[in-house]
PDB file of N, CA and C in Angstrom:
ATOM      1  N   MET A   1     120.776  28.028  98.970  1.00  0.00           N
ATOM      2  CA  MET A   1     119.047  28.241  97.989  1.00  0.00           C
ATOM      3  C   MET A   1     119.239  28.668  96.701  1.00  0.00           C
ATOM      4  N   ASN A   2     118.961  29.125  95.939  1.00  0.00           N
ATOM      5  CA  ASN A   2     118.477  30.053  94.535  1.00  0.00           C
ATOM      6  C   ASN A   2     116.752  30.023  94.641  1.00  0.00           C
ATOM      7  N   TYR A   3     116.550  31.128  94.855  1.00  0.00           N
ATOM      8  CA  TYR A   3     115.040  31.376  94.151  1.00  0.00           C
ATOM      9  C   TYR A   3     114.991  31.834  92.934  1.00  0.00           C
ATOM     10  N   ASN A   4     115.861  31.981  91.804  1.00  0.00           N
ATOM     11  CA  ASN A   4     115.339  32.522  90.913  1.00  0.00           C
ATOM     12  C   ASN A   4     114.237  32.329  90.060  1.00  0.00           C
ATOM     13  N   GLY A   5     113.256  32.544  89.165  1.00  0.00           N
ATOM     14  CA  GLY A   5     112.437  32.464  88.729  1.00  0.00           C
ATOM     15  C   GLY A   5     111.406  31.405  89.268  1.00  0.00           C
ATOM     16  N   LYS A   6     111.039  31.756  89.936  1.00  0.00           N
ATOM     17  CA  LYS A   6     110.666  31.235  91.065  1.00  0.00           C
ATOM     18  C   LYS A   6     109.535  31.954  91.666  1.00  0.00           C
ATOM     19  N   MET A   7     108.211  31.653  91.747  1.00  0.00           N
ATOM     20  CA  MET A   7     106.550  31.893  91.707  1.00  0.00           C
ATOM     21  C   MET A   7     106.439  31.887  92.926  1.00  0.00           C
ATOM     22  N   PHE A   8     105.804  31.875  93.709  1.00  0.00           N
ATOM     23  CA  PHE A   8     104.990  32.170  94.981  1.00  0.00           C
ATOM     24  C   PHE A   8     103.174  33.381  95.329  1.00  0.00           C
ATOM     25  N   ARG A   9     102.799  32.040  96.117  1.00  0.00           N
ATOM     26  CA  ARG A   9     101.848  33.308  96.408  1.00  0.00           C
ATOM     27  C   ARG A   9     102.142  33.005  98.043  1.00  0.00           C
ATOM     28  N   PRO A  10     100.930  33.662  98.835  1.00  0.00           N
ATOM     29  CA  PRO A  10      99.895  33.562  99.692  1.00  0.00           C
ATOM     30  C   PRO A  10     100.018  32.482 100.075  1.00  0.00           C
ATOM     31  N   ILE A  11      99.589  31.902 101.145  1.00  0.00           N
ATOM     32  CA  ILE A  11      98.582  31.328 101.828  1.00  0.00           C
ATOM     33  C   ILE A  11      97.827  31.481 103.110  1.00  0.00           C
ATOM     34  N   SER A  12      98.473  32.211 103.854  1.00  0.00           N
ATOM     35  CA  SER A  12      97.917  32.630 104.856  1.00  0.00           C
ATOM     36  C   SER A  12      98.862  34.753 105.399  1.00  0.00           C
ATOM     37  N   ASN A  13      98.420  34.931 105.286  1.00  0.00           N
ATOM     38  CA  ASN A  13      98.611  36.203 106.091  1.00  0.00           C
ATOM     39  C   ASN A  13      98.057  37.069 107.593  1.00  0.00           C
ATOM     40  N   SER A  14      98.681  37.892 108.412  1.00  0.00           N
ATOM     41  CA  SER A  14      97.744  38.074 109.611  1.00  0.00           C
ATOM     42  C   SER A  14      96.708  39.086 109.152  1.00  0.00           C
ATOM     43  N   GLU A  15      95.533  39.512 109.160  1.00  0.00           N
ATOM     44  CA  GLU A  15      94.724  40.553 108.988  1.00  0.00           C
ATOM     45  C   GLU A  15      95.315  41.924 109.356  1.00  0.00           C
ATOM     46  N   ASN A  16      96.113  42.372 109.197  1.00  0.00           N
ATOM     47  CA  ASN A  16      97.026  43.582 108.945  1.00  0.00           C
ATOM     48  C   ASN A  16      97.461  44.048 107.650  1.00  0.00           C
ATOM     49  N   GLY A  17      97.584  42.677 106.922  1.00  0.00           N
ATOM     50  CA  GLY A  17      98.949  42.152 105.636  1.00  0.00           C
ATOM     51  C   GLY A  17      97.544  42.875 104.689  1.00  0.00           C
ATOM     52  N   GLU A  18      98.023  42.759 103.647  1.00  0.00           N
ATOM     53  CA  GLU A  18      97.710  43.398 102.067  1.00  0.00           C
ATOM     54  C   GLU A  18      97.984  42.395 101.524  1.00  0.00           C
ATOM     55  N   THR A  19      98.794  41.362 101.342  1.00  0.00           N
ATOM     56  CA  THR A  19      98.821  40.681 100.226  1.00  0.00           C
ATOM     57  C   THR A  19      97.574  39.188 100.602  1.00  0.00           C
ATOM     58  N   SER A  20      97.025  38.377  99.884  1.00  0.00           N
ATOM     59  CA  SER A  20      96.342  37.327  99.869  1.00  0.00           C
ATOM     60  C   SER A  20      96.659  36.183  98.730  1.00  0.00           C
ATOM     61  N   GLY A  21      95.730  35.206  98.836  1.00  0.00           N
ATOM     62  CA  GLY A  21      95.832  34.100  97.467  1.00  0.00           C
ATOM     63  C   GLY A  21      96.270  34.703  95.728  1.00  0.00           C
ATOM     64  N   ASP A  22      95.709  36.171  95.901  1.00  0.00           N
ATOM     65  CA  ASP A  22      95.555  36.446  94.663  1.00  0.00           C
ATOM     66  C   ASP A  22      96.418  37.561  94.241  1.00  0.00           C
ATOM     67  N   THR A  23      97.210  37.419  94.845  1.00  0.00           N
ATOM     68  CA  THR A  23      98.645  38.173  94.778  1.00  0.00           C
ATOM     69  C   THR A  23      99.647  37.228  94.984  1.00  0.00           C
ATOM     70  N   LEU A  24     100.849  37.143  93.593  1.00  0.00           N
ATOM     71  CA  LEU A  24     101.690  36.726  93.075  1.00  0.00           C
ATOM     72  C   LEU A  24     102.611  37.168  92.917  1.00  0.00           C
ATOM     73  N   PHE A  25     104.019  36.685  93.715  1.00  0.00           N
ATOM     74  CA  PHE A  25     105.751  37.702  93.422  1.00  0.00           C
ATOM     75  C   PHE A  25     106.338  36.049  92.827  1.00  0.00           C
ATOM     76  N   ILE A  26     106.895  37.311  91.905  1.00  0.00           N
ATOM     77  CA  ILE A  26     108.417  36.599  90.991  1.00  0.00           C
ATOM     78  C   ILE A  26     109.455  36.729  91.205  1.00  0.00           C
ATOM     79  N   TYR A  27     110.365  36.401  91.373  1.00  0.00           N
ATOM     80  CA  TYR A  27     111.611  36.083  91.967  1.00  0.00           C
ATOM     81  C   TYR A  27     112.143  36.381  90.895  1.00  0.00           C
ATOM     82  N   ASN A  28     113.821  36.862  91.233  1.00  0.00           N
ATOM     83  CA  ASN A  28     114.743  37.143  90.294  1.00  0.00           C
ATOM     84  C   ASN A  28     115.978  36.736  91.405  1.00  0.00           C
ATOM     85  N   GLN A  29     117.308  35.832  90.760  1.00  0.00           N
ATOM     86  CA  GLN A  29     118.434  35.906  92.060  1.00  0.00           C
ATOM     87  C   GLN A  29     119.025  36.105  91.302  1.00  0.00           C
ATOM     88  N   VAL A  30     120.445  36.945  91.679  1.00  0.00           N
ATOM     89  CA  VAL A  30     121.550  36.970  91.159  1.00  0.00           C
ATOM     90  C   VAL A  30     122.868  36.949  92.296  1.00  0.00           C
ATOM     91  N   GLY A  31     123.239  35.798  92.522  1.00  0.00           N
ATOM     92  CA  GLY A  31     124.270  35.873  93.384  1.00  0.00           C
ATOM     93  C   GLY A  31     123.206  36.124  94.597  1.00  0.00           C
ATOM     94  N   ASN A  32     123.849  36.741  95.576  1.00  0.00           N
ATOM     95  CA  ASN A  32     122.329  36.553  96.764  1.00  0.00           C
ATOM     96  C   ASN A  32     121.741  37.438  97.216  1.00  0.00           C
ATOM     97  N   ILE A  33     121.621  38.227  95.896  1.00  0.00           N
ATOM     98  CA  ILE A  33     120.187  39.700  96.257  1.00  0.00           C
ATOM     99  C   ILE A  33     119.491  39.386  95.259  1.00  0.00           C
ATOM    100  N   LEU A  34     117.948  39.298  96.112  1.00  0.00           N
ATOM    101  CA  LEU A  34     117.171  38.784  95.716  1.00  0.00           C
ATOM    102  C   LEU A  34     115.804  39.913  95.408  1.00  0.00           C
ATOM    103  N   THR A  35     114.927  40.184  94.370  1.00  0.00           N
ATOM    104  CA  THR A  35     114.423  40.974  93.946  1.00  0.00           C
ATOM    105  C   THR A  35     112.981  40.640  93.535  1.00  0.00           C
ATOM    106  N   SER A  36     111.919  40.956  93.591  1.00  0.00           N
ATOM    107  CA  SER A  36     110.453  40.287  93.269  1.00  0.00           C
ATOM    108  C   SER A  36     109.429  41.750  92.681  1.00  0.00           C
ATOM    109  N   GLU A  37     109.339  41.403  91.572  1.00  0.00           N
ATOM    110  CA  GLU A  37     107.655  42.266  91.558  1.00  0.00           C
ATOM    111  C   GLU A  37     106.796  41.573  91.469  1.00  0.00           C
ATOM    112  N   TYR A  38     105.490  42.384  92.477  1.00  0.00           N
ATOM    113  CA  TYR A  38     104.366  41.243  93.009  1.00  0.00           C
ATOM    114  C   TYR A  38     102.861  42.771  92.882  1.00  0.00           C
ATOM    115  N   SER A  39     102.211  42.041  92.324  1.00  0.00           N
ATOM    116  CA  SER A  39     100.572  42.700  92.466  1.00  0.00           C
ATOM    117  C   SER A  39      99.662  41.778  92.336  1.00  0.00           C
ATOM    118  N   GLY A  40      98.457  42.486  93.266  1.00  0.00           N
ATOM    119  CA  GLY A  40      97.626  40.914  93.051  1.00  0.00           C
ATOM    120  C   GLY A  40      96.324  41.207  94.286  1.00  0.00           C
ATOM    121  N   GLY A  41      95.055  41.259  94.173  1.00  0.00           N
ATOM    122  CA  GLY A  41      94.514  41.278  95.400  1.00  0.00           C
ATOM    123  C   GLY A  41      94.291  42.706  95.373  1.00  0.00           C
ATOM    124  N   LYS A  42      94.434  42.863  97.025  1.00  0.00           N
ATOM    125  CA  LYS A  42      94.726  43.903  97.611  1.00  0.00           C
ATOM    126  C   LYS A  42      95.788  45.662  97.289  1.00  0.00           C
ATOM    127  N   ILE A  43      96.705  44.540  96.174  1.00  0.00           N
ATOM    128  CA  ILE A  43      98.254  45.156  95.309  1.00  0.00           C
ATOM    129  C   ILE A  43      98.286  46.024  94.411  1.00  0.00           C
ATOM    130  N   LYS A  44      97.867  46.962  94.221  1.00  0.00           N
ATOM    131  CA  LYS A  44      98.155  47.207  92.446  1.00  0.00           C
ATOM    132  C   LYS A  44      99.638  46.792  92.105  1.00  0.00           C
ATOM    133  N   TYR A  45     100.015  46.958  92.833  1.00  0.00           N
ATOM    134  CA  TYR A  45     102.125  47.056  92.739  1.00  0.00           C
ATOM    135  C   TYR A  45     102.800  47.295  94.152  1.00  0.00           C
ATOM    136  N   GLY A  46     103.567  46.159  93.493  1.00  0.00           N
ATOM    137  CA  GLY A  46     104.928  46.343  94.559  1.00  0.00           C
ATOM    138  C   GLY A  46     105.989  45.825  94.398  1.00  0.00           C
ATOM    139  N   HIS A  47     107.179  45.998  95.019  1.00  0.00           N
ATOM    140  CA  HIS A  47     108.822  45.662  94.622  1.00  0.00           C
ATOM    141  C   HIS A  47     109.344  45.105  95.687  1.00  0.00           C
ATOM    142  N   LEU A  48     110.165  43.862  96.065  1.00  0.00           N
ATOM    143  CA  LEU A  48     111.157  43.946  97.380  1.00  0.00           C
ATOM    144  C   LEU A  48     112.872  43.713  96.427  1.00  0.00           C
ATOM    145  N   ILE A  49     113.284  43.669  97.733  1.00  0.00           N
ATOM    146  CA  ILE A  49     114.432  43.844  97.368  1.00  0.00           C
ATOM    147  C   ILE A  49     115.207  43.312  98.916  1.00  0.00           C
ATOM    148  N   GLY A  50     115.905  42.119  98.706  1.00  0.00           N
ATOM    149  CA  GLY A  50     116.560  41.250  99.818  1.00  0.00           C
ATOM    150  C   GLY A  50     118.071  40.527  99.700  1.00  0.00           C
ATOM    151  N   LEU A  51     118.563  40.429 101.204  1.00  0.00           N
ATOM    152  CA  LEU A  51     119.931  39.315 100.746  1.00  0.00           C
ATOM    153  C   LEU A  51     119.621  38.186 100.796  1.00  0.00           C
ATOM    154  N   VAL A  52     119.908  37.134 100.474  1.00  0.00           N
ATOM    155  CA  VAL A  52     119.469  36.380 100.703  1.00  0.00           C
ATOM    156  C   VAL A  52     121.012  35.335 101.255  1.00  0.00           C
ATOM    157  N   ASP A  53     121.267  34.535 102.808  1.00  0.00           N
ATOM    158  CA  ASP A  53     122.331  34.556 103.697  1.00  0.00           C
ATOM    159  C   ASP A  53     121.593  33.107 103.139  1.00  0.00           C
ATOM    160  N   GLU A  54     123.314  31.877 103.491  1.00  0.00           N
ATOM    161  CA  GLU A  54     123.674  30.790 103.051  1.00  0.00           C
ATOM    162  C   GLU A  54     122.768  29.328 103.859  1.00  0.00           C
ATOM    163  N   ASN A  55     121.580  30.409 104.136  1.00  0.00           N
ATOM    164  CA  ASN A  55     120.456  28.827 104.798  1.00  0.00           C
ATOM    165  C   ASN A  55     119.461  28.800 103.827  1.00  0.00           C
ATOM    166  N   GLY A  56     119.508  29.624 103.299  1.00  0.00           N
ATOM    167  CA  GLY A  56     118.043  30.574 102.160  1.00  0.00           C
ATOM    168  C   GLY A  56     117.024  31.338 102.305  1.00  0.00           C
ATOM    169  N   VAL A  57     117.614  32.456 104.076  1.00  0.00           N
ATOM    170  CA  VAL A  57     116.609  33.332 104.922  1.00  0.00           C
ATOM    171  C   VAL A  57     116.960  34.447 104.011  1.00  0.00           C
ATOM    172  N   ILE A  58     115.717  35.197 103.406  1.00  0.00           N
ATOM    173  CA  ILE A  58     115.778  36.252 103.168  1.00  0.00           C
ATOM    174  C   ILE A  58     115.765  37.372 104.412  1.00  0.00           C
ATOM    175  N   GLU A  59     116.703  38.037 103.973  1.00  0.00           N
ATOM    176  CA  GLU A  59     115.905  39.514 104.912  1.00  0.00           C
ATOM    177  C   GLU A  59     115.707  41.029 103.723  1.00  0.00           C
ATOM    178  N   ILE A  60     114.422  41.357 103.676  1.00  0.00           N
ATOM    179  CA  ILE A  60     113.531  42.131 102.449  1.00  0.00           C
ATOM    180  C   ILE A  60     112.937  43.552 102.836  1.00  0.00           C
ATOM    181  N   ARG A  61     113.201  43.846 102.211  1.00  0.00           N
ATOM    182  CA  ARG A  61     113.017  45.946 102.509  1.00  0.00           C
ATOM    183  C   ARG A  61     111.506  45.404 101.319  1.00  0.00           C
ATOM    184  N   TYR A  62     110.155  45.946 101.800  1.00  0.00           N
ATOM    185  CA  TYR A  62     109.529  46.233 100.537  1.00  0.00           C
ATOM    186  C   TYR A  62     108.354  47.148 100.220  1.00  0.00           C
ATOM    187  N   HIS A  63     108.063  47.735  98.828  1.00  0.00           N
ATOM    188  CA  HIS A  63     106.997  48.890  98.671  1.00  0.00           C
ATOM    189  C   HIS A  63     106.329  48.853  98.031  1.00  0.00           C
ATOM    190  N   GLN A  64     104.979  49.064  98.712  1.00  0.00           N
ATOM    191  CA  GLN A  64     104.055  48.340  97.260  1.00  0.00           C
ATOM    192  C   GLN A  64     102.713  50.195  97.522  1.00  0.00           C
ATOM    193  N   ILE A  65     101.945  49.868  96.482  1.00  0.00           N
ATOM    194  CA  ILE A  65     100.962  50.833  96.364  1.00  0.00           C
ATOM    195  C   ILE A  65      99.707  49.945  96.853  1.00  0.00           C
ATOM    196  N   ASN A  66      99.018  49.882  97.072  1.00  0.00           N
ATOM    197  CA  ASN A  66      97.316  49.170  97.440  1.00  0.00           C
ATOM    198  C   ASN A  66      95.846  50.246  96.807  1.00  0.00           C
ATOM    199  N   VAL A  67      95.293  48.930  96.834  1.00  0.00           N
ATOM    200  CA  VAL A  67      94.189  49.635  96.072  1.00  0.00           C
ATOM    201  C   VAL A  67      93.138  51.304  96.632  1.00  0.00           C
ATOM    202  N   ASN A  68      94.262  51.579  97.497  1.00  0.00           N
ATOM    203  CA  ASN A  68      93.314  52.973  97.591  1.00  0.00           C
ATOM    204  C   ASN A  68      94.442  54.016  97.734  1.00  0.00           C
ATOM    205  N   ASN A  69      95.542  53.438  96.631  1.00  0.00           N
ATOM    206  CA  ASN A  69      96.587  54.271  96.604  1.00  0.00           C
ATOM    207  C   ASN A  69      97.072  55.179  97.321  1.00  0.00           C
ATOM    208  N   GLU A  70      97.447  54.056  98.071  1.00  0.00           N
ATOM    209  CA  GLU A  70      98.806  54.547  99.657  1.00  0.00           C
ATOM    210  C   GLU A  70      99.400  53.611  99.371  1.00  0.00           C
ATOM    211  N   LEU A  71     100.836  54.458  99.520  1.00  0.00           N
ATOM    212  CA  LEU A  71     102.121  53.836  99.565  1.00  0.00           C
ATOM    213  C   LEU A  71     103.099  53.289 100.665  1.00  0.00           C
ATOM    214  N   MET A  72     102.757  51.877 101.195  1.00  0.00           N
ATOM    215  CA  MET A  72     103.049  51.011 102.281  1.00  0.00           C
ATOM    216  C   MET A  72     104.445  50.361 102.008  1.00  0.00           C
ATOM    217  N   THR A  73     105.415  50.811 102.980  1.00  0.00           N
ATOM    218  CA  THR A  73     106.153  49.931 103.244  1.00  0.00           C
ATOM    219  C   THR A  73     106.344  49.307 104.312  1.00  0.00           C
ATOM    220  N   GLY A  74     107.687  48.479 104.104  1.00  0.00           N
ATOM    221  CA  GLY A  74     107.895  47.067 105.797  1.00  0.00           C
ATOM    222  C   GLY A  74     109.122  46.358 105.607  1.00  0.00           C
ATOM    223  N   ILE A  75     109.738  45.988 106.279  1.00  0.00           N
ATOM    224  CA  ILE A  75     110.426  44.958 106.620  1.00  0.00           C
ATOM    225  C   ILE A  75     110.235  43.580 106.698  1.00  0.00           C
ATOM    226  N   CYS A  76     110.761  42.507 106.531  1.00  0.00           N
ATOM    227  CA  CYS A  76     110.011  40.776 106.556  1.00  0.00           C
ATOM    228  C   CYS A  76     111.589  40.645 106.752  1.00  0.00           C
ATOM    229  N   VAL A  77     111.653  39.192 107.501  1.00  0.00           N
ATOM    230  CA  VAL A  77     112.917  37.723 107.390  1.00  0.00           C
ATOM    231  C   VAL A  77     111.605  36.823 106.745  1.00  0.00           C
ATOM    232  N   SER A  78     112.456  36.258 105.531  1.00  0.00           N
ATOM    233  CA  SER A  78     111.809  34.878 104.944  1.00  0.00           C
ATOM    234  C   SER A  78     112.538  33.766 105.343  1.00  0.00           C
ATOM    235  N   THR A  79     112.205  32.882 106.394  1.00  0.00           N
ATOM    236  CA  THR A  79     112.900  31.295 106.343  1.00  0.00           C
ATOM    237  C   THR A  79     111.691  30.430 105.426  1.00  0.00           C
ATOM    238  N   PRO A  80     112.886  29.602 104.706  1.00  0.00           N
ATOM    239  CA  PRO A  80     112.462  28.502 103.502  1.00  0.00           C
ATOM    240  C   PRO A  80     112.121  27.005 105.502  1.00  0.00           C
ATOM    241  N   GLU A  81     111.233  26.639 104.017  1.00  0.00           N
ATOM    242  CA  GLU A  81     111.192  25.264 104.467  1.00  0.00           C
ATOM    243  C   GLU A  81     111.059  24.240 103.077  1.00  0.00           C
ATOM    244  N   LYS A  82     111.865  23.275 103.199  1.00  0.00           N
ATOM    245  CA  LYS A  82     111.532  22.576 101.790  1.00  0.00           C
ATOM    246  C   LYS A  82     110.624  21.171 101.851  1.00  0.00           C
ATOM    247  N   LEU A  83     109.374  21.011 101.216  1.00  0.00           N
ATOM    248  CA  LEU A  83     108.492  20.975 101.316  1.00  0.00           C
ATOM    249  C   LEU A  83     108.692  18.870 100.863  1.00  0.00           C
ATOM    250  N   SER A  84     108.014  17.832 100.618  1.00  0.00           N
ATOM    251  CA  SER A  84     107.901  17.185 100.875  1.00  0.00           C
ATOM    252  C   SER A  84     108.112  16.761  98.936  1.00  0.00           C
ATOM    253  N   ASN A  85     107.392  17.668  98.856  1.00  0.00           N
ATOM    254  CA  ASN A  85     106.961  17.624  96.978  1.00  0.00           C
ATOM    255  C   ASN A  85     108.086  18.239  96.233  1.00  0.00           C
ATOM    256  N   GLY A  86     109.015  18.952  97.340  1.00  0.00           N
ATOM    257  CA  GLY A  86     109.875  19.722  96.635  1.00  0.00           C
ATOM    258  C   GLY A  86     110.033  20.709  96.763  1.00  0.00           C
ATOM    259  N   LYS A  87     109.051  21.488  96.456  1.00  0.00           N
ATOM    260  CA  LYS A  87     108.264  22.940  96.722  1.00  0.00           C
ATOM    261  C   LYS A  87     109.205  24.237  97.742  1.00  0.00           C
ATOM    262  N   ILE A  88     108.744  25.037  97.406  1.00  0.00           N
ATOM    263  CA  ILE A  88     109.467  25.686  98.969  1.00  0.00           C
ATOM    264  C   ILE A  88     108.128  26.429  99.454  1.00  0.00           C
ATOM    265  N   ARG A  89     108.252  26.382 100.919  1.00  0.00           N
ATOM    266  CA  ARG A  89     106.877  27.159 101.720  1.00  0.00           C
ATOM    267  C   ARG A  89     107.920  28.453 102.306  1.00  0.00           C
ATOM    268  N   LEU A  90     107.689  29.740 102.380  1.00  0.00           N
ATOM    269  CA  LEU A  90     108.678  30.653 102.839  1.00  0.00           C
ATOM    270  C   LEU A  90     107.393  30.806 104.378  1.00  0.00           C
ATOM    271  N   HIS A  91     108.254  31.354 105.248  1.00  0.00           N
ATOM    272  CA  HIS A  91     107.299  31.455 106.625  1.00  0.00           C
ATOM    273  C   HIS A  91     108.111  32.535 107.728  1.00  0.00           C
ATOM    274  N   GLU A  92     107.498  34.249 106.910  1.00  0.00           N
ATOM    275  CA  GLU A  92     107.863  35.367 106.892  1.00  0.00           C
ATOM    276  C   GLU A  92     107.447  35.946 107.913  1.00  0.00           C
ATOM    277  N   LYS A  93     108.070  36.897 108.638  1.00  0.00           N
ATOM    278  CA  LYS A  93     107.849  37.813 110.191  1.00  0.00           C
ATOM    279  C   LYS A  93     108.292  39.639 109.105  1.00  0.00           C
ATOM    280  N   TRP A  94     106.615  39.756 109.985  1.00  0.00           N
ATOM    281  CA  TRP A  94     107.262  41.512 108.877  1.00  0.00           C
ATOM    282  C   TRP A  94     106.505  42.410 109.517  1.00  0.00           C
ATOM    283  N   LYS A  95     107.088  43.291 109.256  1.00  0.00           N
ATOM    284  CA  LYS A  95     106.283  44.467 110.192  1.00  0.00           C
ATOM    285  C   LYS A  95     106.875  46.079 109.418  1.00  0.00           C
ATOM    286  N   TRP A  96     105.806  46.610 109.136  1.00  0.00           N
ATOM    287  CA  TRP A  96     105.012  47.849 108.363  1.00  0.00           C
ATOM    288  C   TRP A  96     106.207  49.087 109.267  1.00  0.00           C
ATOM    289  N   THR A  97     106.716  49.207 108.051  1.00  0.00           N
ATOM    290  CA  THR A  97     107.610  50.343 108.444  1.00  0.00           C
ATOM    291  C   THR A  97     106.745  52.413 107.915  1.00  0.00           C
ATOM    292  N   SER A  98     105.396  52.014 107.899  1.00  0.00           N
ATOM    293  CA  SER A  98     104.454  53.572 107.416  1.00  0.00           C
ATOM    294  C   SER A  98     103.586  52.413 108.084  1.00  0.00           C
ATOM    295  N   GLY A  99     102.285  53.817 107.543  1.00  0.00           N
ATOM    296  CA  GLY A  99     101.227  53.486 108.322  1.00  0.00           C
ATOM    297  C   GLY A  99     101.530  52.718 110.359  1.00  0.00           C
ATOM    298  N   ASP A 100     100.262  51.982 110.474  1.00  0.00           N
ATOM    299  CA  ASP A 100     100.416  51.737 112.065  1.00  0.00           C
ATOM    300  C   ASP A 100     101.541  51.298 113.164  1.00  0.00           C
ATOM    301  N   GLN A 101     102.657  50.701 111.824  1.00  0.00           N
ATOM    302  CA  GLN A 101     104.113  49.820 112.036  1.00  0.00           C
ATOM    303  C   GLN A 101     103.978  48.924 113.222  1.00  0.00           C
ATOM    304  N   SER A 102     102.818  48.129 112.401  1.00  0.00           N
ATOM    305  CA  SER A 102     102.224  46.803 112.816  1.00  0.00           C
ATOM    306  C   SER A 102     102.962  45.506 112.602  1.00  0.00           C
ATOM    307  N   GLU A 103     103.067  44.466 113.057  1.00  0.00           N
ATOM    308  CA  GLU A 103     104.119  43.418 113.097  1.00  0.00           C
ATOM    309  C   GLU A 103     102.821  42.752 112.506  1.00  0.00           C
ATOM    310  N   GLY A 104     103.418  41.394 112.089  1.00  0.00           N
ATOM    311  CA  GLY A 104     102.655  40.356 111.147  1.00  0.00           C
ATOM    312  C   GLY A 104     103.176  38.882 110.873  1.00  0.00           C
ATOM    313  N   GLU A 105     102.907  38.176 110.385  1.00  0.00           N
ATOM    314  CA  GLU A 105     103.514  37.020 109.911  1.00  0.00           C
ATOM    315  C   GLU A 105     102.576  36.254 108.546  1.00  0.00           C
ATOM    316  N   SER A 106     103.495  35.822 107.611  1.00  0.00           N
ATOM    317  CA  SER A 106     102.398  35.527 106.678  1.00  0.00           C
ATOM    318  C   SER A 106     103.406  33.908 105.924  1.00  0.00           C
ATOM    319  N   THR A 107     102.510  33.086 105.359  1.00  0.00           N
ATOM    320  CA  THR A 107     103.196  31.961 104.444  1.00  0.00           C
ATOM    321  C   THR A 107     103.204  32.383 103.402  1.00  0.00           C
ATOM    322  N   LEU A 108     104.263  31.726 102.184  1.00  0.00           N
ATOM    323  CA  LEU A 108     104.003  32.071 101.291  1.00  0.00           C
ATOM    324  C   LEU A 108     104.446  29.906 100.682  1.00  0.00           C
ATOM    325  N   GLU A 109     103.980  30.181  99.330  1.00  0.00           N
ATOM    326  CA  GLU A 109     104.463  28.726  98.748  1.00  0.00           C
ATOM    327  C   GLU A 109     104.902  28.902  97.668  1.00  0.00           C
ATOM    328  N   GLU A 110     105.902  28.244  97.276  1.00  0.00           N
ATOM    329  CA  GLU A 110     105.591  27.643  95.603  1.00  0.00           C
ATOM    330  C   GLU A 110     105.019  27.291  94.747  1.00  0.00           C
ATOM    331  N   GLN A 111     104.864  28.111  93.653  1.00  0.00           N
ATOM    332  CA  GLN A 111     103.652  27.918  92.694  1.00  0.00           C
ATOM    333  C   GLN A 111     104.360  26.718  91.799  1.00  0.00           C
TER     334      GLN A 111
END
């Protein structure tokens, strides 16, 4: 699975998360290395880097600056689901590595 040039928006997130439907992720992929810049909603600017495995599962590290000017960091595993319309839905399990170290789940859909 190749994510290069694809855009995703969250359709759900745990309450302790900062992304929302106003957050736009733009993915770039070279080989098995994935990067993304993102912003919107509670996030002024964010960046992620990850590794994509043979099944399209992404192991991610992310950092972002929120609207409160806090630097937040975390880890995430994102598992793809191919939808009937050909788009990709990503099921994410994540954990903050800053702040309260809490965990959450989110779902993103390709735009």
